[in-house]
Each structure stands twice: as C-alpha cells, then as structure tokens.
Amino acid sequence: MAACDTQPEQKQPIDPAKYKKSLVKANKGLVELEEDDIENYIKRQNWDMLETGSGLRYLIYEHGTGKQVEEGKVVQCAYETSLLTGKTCYTSEQLGPKEFLVGRGGVESGLEEAVLLFREGDRVKIILPSHLAFGLVGDDDCIPKKSVLVYDLEVRNVLEPISLN
C-alpha cells in the first residue's frame, strides 16, 4: 500500500545543446564516409570529374553546341539514374524524358544545380551526394535513404516556358 503514496518520477526535458556536439561529430563522420565512397567510385570508373562547392561532381563527355541552360527555361533530358552499387533506378526509356522548369524545384536540388552548367546536346555524368539527391529519406520507391545518385544525362532541349496568357 505504501506504493500508492509515491509520486510518478518527473522526467527532465531534453536539452538539445547537451547532444549537439556528438550529433555534429556523427554527421561529419557520415559525410566523410559518403565522400570516400564517391571518390572510390570515381577512381574505379576512371573519370576525371569537376566538383562544385556543394559537392556535386560532373563530367561532360560529349559537348553539345546548342543553347545554354538558364534559370526560367524548360529543360528536356534523356537520363539513366543509378546508385553507386551500379543498380539502375530509373531511365528515360522506362519513364520518358525528364522535363522541368529550371529554378522551380520539382527535381533533386543537385540536378537543378547541375543542368545550369550544360547546354543542349551535352552528354554528362553527374554524381549527386545524398544531400543534393533525396537526402535522409530516399524516394519511397527505388532510391534508398542517404543514397548517392549517378546520372548519365543528355540535355536534349532547352526551351522557353509555355505562356498560359
């Protein structure tokens, strides 16, 4: 009966500052592992890739002569998306060409960043670190959480957006 007189133990609120240092350290470790995976993949492929400040890597292996991609233009691309394991996730042969208005989202942030470096007719290899692809969650289909994506992409058309006026 004495147990009835005791009060439930009060839980202390969690102090995020207490865990911040260890979380930052863990995140840095994960980023370093991903960077190592990307660098090893590039070496195995024997690609000489350029890297942007965000960590995006690209290689133009066939130069086009068409219009430069610009924000506000519609881009149509043929593509194959795969993981570092070599597993193909999506292709334009299966799903049709990828078409999007540059600067409006709707595609991976790394893909938007990348296409601005290209012109019509360019054929490129692009590697998107997970933070520029589908991040911590994946796409709930073929792309697992925290996945690096490899694009083989051809910029087919750079078009003016259709006006609905």
Protein backbone atom coordinates (compact mmCIF):
# COMPACT_ATOMS: atom_id res chain seq x y z
CA MET A 1 0.00 0.00 0.00
CA ALA A 2 2.92 2.36 0.52
CA ALA A 3 3.46 2.42 -3.24
CA CYS A 4 0.19 4.30 -3.67
CA ASP A 5 1.64 7.31 -1.86
CA THR A 6 4.60 7.77 -4.23
CA GLN A 7 4.51 10.37 -6.94
CA PRO A 8 5.49 9.45 -10.52
CA GLU A 9 9.05 10.46 -11.32
CA GLN A 10 9.25 13.76 -13.17
CA LYS A 11 11.07 13.49 -16.50
CA GLN A 12 13.62 16.16 -17.18
CA PRO A 13 13.25 17.99 -20.50
CA ILE A 14 15.83 17.05 -23.12
CA ASP A 15 18.47 19.71 -23.62
CA PRO A 16 19.45 19.69 -27.34
CA ALA A 17 22.63 21.62 -26.58
CA LYS A 18 23.81 18.69 -24.48
CA TYR A 19 23.80 16.40 -27.55
CA LYS A 20 24.75 18.90 -30.25
CA LYS A 21 28.50 18.22 -30.19
CA SER A 22 28.10 14.44 -30.52
CA LEU A 23 25.46 14.80 -33.26
CA VAL A 24 27.67 17.15 -35.25
CA LYS A 25 30.58 14.72 -34.89
CA ALA A 26 28.43 11.76 -36.02
CA ASN A 27 27.11 13.72 -39.02
CA LYS A 28 30.63 14.76 -40.08
CA GLY A 29 31.67 11.11 -39.92
CA LEU A 30 28.79 10.06 -42.16
CA VAL A 31 29.59 12.82 -44.67
CA GLU A 32 33.25 11.72 -44.74
CA LEU A 33 32.24 8.11 -45.39
CA GLU A 34 29.98 9.20 -48.24
CA GLU A 35 32.77 11.33 -49.71
CA ASP A 36 35.12 8.34 -49.58
CA ASP A 37 32.51 6.17 -51.34
CA ILE A 38 32.12 8.79 -54.08
CA GLU A 39 35.87 9.21 -54.57
CA ASN A 40 36.39 5.44 -54.73
CA TYR A 41 33.59 5.12 -57.28
CA ILE A 42 35.13 7.87 -59.46
CA LYS A 43 38.53 6.14 -59.32
CA ARG A 44 37.02 2.78 -60.30
CA GLN A 45 35.28 4.44 -63.27
CA ASN A 46 38.48 6.30 -64.18
CA TRP A 47 36.55 9.54 -64.57
CA ASP A 48 38.16 12.99 -64.37
CA MET A 49 35.30 14.91 -62.76
CA LEU A 50 34.93 18.52 -61.74
CA GLU A 51 33.43 19.36 -58.34
CA THR A 52 31.28 22.32 -57.34
CA GLY A 53 31.25 23.92 -53.90
CA SER A 54 28.17 21.91 -52.93
CA GLY A 55 29.89 18.57 -53.56
CA LEU A 56 28.23 17.89 -56.94
CA ARG A 57 30.57 16.19 -59.41
CA TYR A 58 30.24 16.26 -63.17
CA LEU A 59 31.98 15.22 -66.34
CA ILE A 60 30.98 16.41 -69.81
CA TYR A 61 31.96 13.52 -72.05
CA GLU A 62 30.31 14.84 -75.22
CA HIS A 63 29.99 18.57 -75.82
CA GLY A 64 26.86 19.93 -77.44
CA THR A 65 26.57 23.09 -79.46
CA GLY A 66 23.05 24.18 -78.54
CA LYS A 67 21.62 26.78 -76.20
CA GLN A 68 22.98 27.17 -72.69
CA VAL A 69 20.61 26.08 -69.91
CA GLU A 70 19.34 29.07 -67.94
CA GLU A 71 17.04 29.57 -64.99
CA GLY A 72 13.47 30.02 -66.20
CA LYS A 73 13.96 27.74 -69.23
CA VAL A 74 12.40 24.32 -69.69
CA VAL A 75 14.94 21.51 -69.97
CA GLN A 76 14.22 18.12 -71.54
CA CYS A 77 16.71 15.36 -70.73
CA ALA A 78 17.27 11.72 -71.50
CA TYR A 79 18.75 10.01 -68.47
CA GLU A 80 19.67 6.94 -66.52
CA THR A 81 19.82 7.18 -62.73
CA SER A 82 21.75 4.60 -60.74
CA LEU A 83 23.27 4.04 -57.32
CA LEU A 84 26.99 3.70 -56.55
CA THR A 85 26.39 -0.06 -56.45
CA GLY A 86 25.58 0.08 -60.16
CA LYS A 87 21.89 -0.68 -59.63
CA THR A 88 19.80 1.23 -62.19
CA CYS A 89 16.86 3.03 -60.58
CA TYR A 90 15.16 4.98 -63.36
CA THR A 91 15.65 5.66 -67.06
CA SER A 92 14.01 7.87 -69.64
CA GLU A 93 13.42 4.72 -71.71
CA GLN A 94 11.14 3.44 -68.91
CA LEU A 95 9.56 6.70 -67.77
CA GLY A 96 10.02 9.12 -70.65
CA PRO A 97 12.32 12.12 -70.73
CA LYS A 98 12.72 14.29 -67.65
CA GLU A 99 11.30 17.75 -68.29
CA PHE A 100 11.35 20.60 -65.79
CA LEU A 101 11.39 24.37 -65.45
CA VAL A 102 14.83 25.29 -64.12
CA GLY A 103 14.65 27.19 -60.85
CA ARG A 104 11.19 25.97 -59.85
CA GLY A 105 12.11 22.79 -57.98
CA GLY A 106 10.30 19.55 -58.59
CA VAL A 107 13.58 17.67 -59.16
CA GLU A 108 16.58 16.94 -56.98
CA SER A 109 18.36 20.16 -55.98
CA GLY A 110 21.63 18.74 -57.33
CA LEU A 111 20.08 18.13 -60.74
CA GLU A 112 18.87 21.73 -60.89
CA GLU A 113 22.36 22.92 -59.95
CA ALA A 114 23.98 20.62 -62.50
CA VAL A 115 21.92 21.45 -65.59
CA LEU A 116 22.88 25.12 -65.29
CA LEU A 117 26.42 24.03 -66.19
CA PHE A 118 25.37 22.49 -69.52
CA ARG A 119 24.00 23.24 -72.96
CA GLU A 120 21.81 21.47 -75.47
CA GLY A 121 23.49 18.36 -76.77
CA ASP A 122 25.83 17.89 -73.80
CA ARG A 123 26.15 14.32 -72.56
CA VAL A 124 27.31 14.20 -68.99
CA LYS A 125 27.95 12.07 -65.93
CA ILE A 126 26.73 13.64 -62.69
CA ILE A 127 27.19 12.42 -59.14
CA LEU A 128 24.80 13.83 -56.55
CA PRO A 129 25.76 13.36 -52.90
CA SER A 130 22.74 12.32 -50.84
CA HIS A 131 22.12 15.87 -49.56
CA LEU A 132 21.66 17.02 -53.19
CA ALA A 133 19.52 14.00 -54.11
CA PHE A 134 16.77 12.51 -51.91
CA GLY A 135 18.53 13.04 -48.59
CA LEU A 136 17.78 11.12 -45.43
CA VAL A 137 14.52 9.56 -46.67
CA GLY A 138 15.06 8.36 -50.24
CA ASP A 139 12.14 8.47 -52.66
CA ASP A 140 9.91 5.76 -51.14
CA ASP A 141 10.42 3.66 -54.27
CA CYS A 142 13.76 2.67 -55.82
CA ILE A 143 16.16 5.08 -54.12
CA PRO A 144 17.05 4.15 -50.52
CA LYS A 145 17.65 6.68 -47.76
CA LYS A 146 21.00 8.51 -47.78
CA SER A 147 21.82 7.40 -51.35
CA VAL A 148 24.32 8.95 -53.69
CA LEU A 149 22.92 9.15 -57.24
CA VAL A 150 24.80 8.79 -60.50
CA TYR A 151 23.19 10.34 -63.56
CA ASP A 152 24.10 9.66 -67.16
CA LEU A 153 22.29 12.56 -68.77
CA GLU A 154 21.83 14.10 -72.19
CA VAL A 155 20.42 17.64 -72.43
CA ARG A 156 18.13 17.26 -75.42
CA ASN A 157 16.26 20.57 -75.50
CA VAL A 158 16.35 23.97 -73.83
CA LEU A 159 13.00 25.66 -74.42
CA GLU A 160 11.12 28.80 -73.49
CA PRO A 161 8.35 28.08 -71.00
CA ILE A 162 4.84 27.96 -72.40
CA SER A 163 2.86 31.05 -71.51
CA LEU A 164 -0.73 30.48 -70.41
CA ASN A 165 -1.82 34.08 -71.00
